[in-house]
Amino acid sequence: MAYLLVVDDDPSIRTVLNRRLTQWGYEVKEASSATEALEMMMVETPAIVLLDINMPGHDGLWLAERIRAKWTGTPIIMVSGKDDLDVVQRAQKLGAIDFVRKPFDREILRQALLRAAMVLTE
């Protein structure tokens, strides 16, 4: 399986996710910004993108729009520390298959990743 890309401006979140996802058997790469993630994706397309919504500079919705335009089959799981229904709906319109709230509930994250993997096999 190709790698899972974690995009979050918070290094502690990236570290926690990297550790947990690696334990679950994923190959993980990290990006600290939407721009960095886009550059990485131009080189190698990830299997799944775990994408924070709120980041300085370009936010996760900006990146989701670009991912959907170029990599239509790449599942996107949006992540946020805020419950904002408008943002969740915008993310869904941009093709996000799931929304996971921070702090991460292990089982909710695992289920979101399983749903993303199912999209890959369709």
Protein backbone atom coordinates (compact mmCIF):
# COMPACT_ATOMS: atom_id res chain seq x y z
CA MET A 1 0.00 0.00 0.00
CA ALA A 2 1.19 3.53 -0.72
CA TYR A 3 1.81 5.86 2.17
CA LEU A 4 -0.68 7.74 4.33
CA LEU A 5 -0.04 11.50 4.38
CA VAL A 6 -0.66 13.35 7.65
CA VAL A 7 -1.01 17.12 7.13
CA ASP A 8 -1.06 19.19 10.32
CA ASP A 9 0.81 22.32 11.40
CA ASP A 10 1.17 20.99 14.97
CA PRO A 11 4.30 18.81 15.29
CA SER A 12 2.98 17.05 18.41
CA ILE A 13 -0.18 15.98 16.55
CA ARG A 14 1.91 14.70 13.64
CA THR A 15 4.14 12.75 16.04
CA VAL A 16 1.22 11.13 17.86
CA LEU A 17 -0.52 10.23 14.60
CA ASN A 18 2.68 8.92 13.03
CA ARG A 19 3.33 6.67 16.04
CA ARG A 20 -0.23 5.34 16.18
CA LEU A 21 -0.63 4.84 12.43
CA THR A 22 2.76 3.13 12.16
CA GLN A 23 1.68 0.75 14.95
CA TRP A 24 -1.41 -0.02 12.87
CA GLY A 25 0.79 -0.95 9.91
CA TYR A 26 0.64 2.20 7.79
CA GLU A 27 3.63 3.81 6.12
CA VAL A 28 3.30 7.46 7.19
CA LYS A 29 4.72 10.67 5.79
CA GLU A 30 4.14 14.08 7.33
CA ALA A 31 3.62 17.59 6.02
CA SER A 32 3.44 20.69 8.20
CA SER A 33 1.47 22.81 5.72
CA ALA A 34 -0.92 22.56 2.80
CA THR A 35 1.80 23.81 0.45
CA GLU A 36 4.31 21.22 1.63
CA ALA A 37 1.70 18.47 1.27
CA LEU A 38 0.88 19.53 -2.27
CA GLU A 39 4.57 19.48 -3.19
CA MET A 40 4.94 15.98 -1.72
CA MET A 41 1.89 14.75 -3.61
CA MET A 42 3.35 15.98 -6.90
CA VAL A 43 6.23 13.57 -6.35
CA GLU A 44 4.29 10.58 -5.00
CA THR A 45 0.54 10.21 -4.49
CA PRO A 46 -0.52 8.99 -1.04
CA ALA A 47 -3.15 6.30 -0.58
CA ILE A 48 -5.01 8.38 2.02
CA VAL A 49 -4.69 11.98 3.24
CA LEU A 50 -5.42 12.83 6.88
CA LEU A 51 -5.85 16.58 6.65
CA ASP A 52 -6.17 19.23 9.36
CA ILE A 53 -8.62 21.98 8.50
CA ASN A 54 -7.16 24.88 10.47
CA MET A 55 -3.60 25.70 9.46
CA PRO A 56 -1.78 28.98 8.86
CA GLY A 57 -1.46 30.03 5.24
CA HIS A 58 -3.58 27.78 3.09
CA ASP A 59 -6.04 25.75 5.14
CA GLY A 60 -7.15 22.16 4.74
CA LEU A 61 -10.18 23.10 2.65
CA TRP A 62 -7.89 24.83 0.15
CA LEU A 63 -5.77 21.68 -0.08
CA ALA A 64 -8.80 19.37 -0.27
CA GLU A 65 -10.03 21.32 -3.28
CA ARG A 66 -6.68 20.87 -5.04
CA ILE A 67 -6.46 17.20 -4.13
CA ARG A 68 -9.93 16.57 -5.48
CA ALA A 69 -9.12 18.36 -8.74
CA LYS A 70 -5.93 16.40 -9.46
CA TRP A 71 -6.19 13.14 -7.46
CA THR A 72 -9.89 12.32 -7.65
CA GLY A 73 -9.52 8.83 -6.18
CA THR A 74 -7.46 9.76 -3.12
CA PRO A 75 -9.59 9.52 0.04
CA ILE A 76 -9.42 12.56 2.32
CA ILE A 77 -10.19 12.43 6.04
CA MET A 78 -10.59 15.91 7.49
CA VAL A 79 -9.45 16.63 11.04
CA SER A 80 -10.28 19.53 13.35
CA GLY A 81 -10.36 20.52 16.97
CA LYS A 82 -13.57 22.45 16.35
CA ASP A 83 -17.09 21.26 15.65
CA ASP A 84 -18.14 23.65 12.92
CA LEU A 85 -21.03 22.21 10.90
CA ASP A 86 -20.48 24.67 8.04
CA VAL A 87 -16.84 23.63 7.69
CA VAL A 88 -17.74 19.93 7.88
CA GLN A 89 -20.33 20.41 5.13
CA ARG A 90 -17.83 22.32 2.97
CA ALA A 91 -15.30 19.51 3.47
CA GLN A 92 -17.88 16.93 2.40
CA LYS A 93 -18.69 18.95 -0.72
CA LEU A 94 -14.97 18.91 -1.51
CA GLY A 95 -15.01 15.12 -1.34
CA ALA A 96 -13.83 14.41 2.20
CA ILE A 97 -15.06 10.95 3.11
CA ASP A 98 -14.90 11.50 6.85
CA PHE A 99 -14.40 14.03 9.62
CA VAL A 100 -12.48 13.19 12.82
CA ARG A 101 -12.42 15.52 15.79
CA LYS A 102 -9.34 16.25 17.88
CA PRO A 103 -8.42 14.96 20.38
CA PHE A 104 -8.50 11.68 18.50
CA ASP A 105 -10.61 8.81 19.69
CA ARG A 106 -8.62 5.74 18.68
CA GLU A 107 -11.63 3.75 17.48
CA ILE A 108 -13.20 6.63 15.52
CA LEU A 109 -9.88 7.23 13.76
CA ARG A 110 -9.48 3.53 13.01
CA GLN A 111 -13.01 3.33 11.55
CA ALA A 112 -12.39 6.40 9.37
CA LEU A 113 -9.23 4.79 8.00
CA LEU A 114 -11.08 1.54 7.30
CA ARG A 115 -13.74 3.48 5.37
CA ALA A 116 -11.00 5.23 3.41
CA ALA A 117 -9.38 1.90 2.58
CA MET A 118 -12.75 0.62 1.33
CA VAL A 119 -12.96 3.59 -1.05
CA LEU A 120 -9.58 2.56 -2.44
CA THR A 121 -10.78 -0.94 -3.24
CA GLU A 122 -13.97 0.17 -5.03
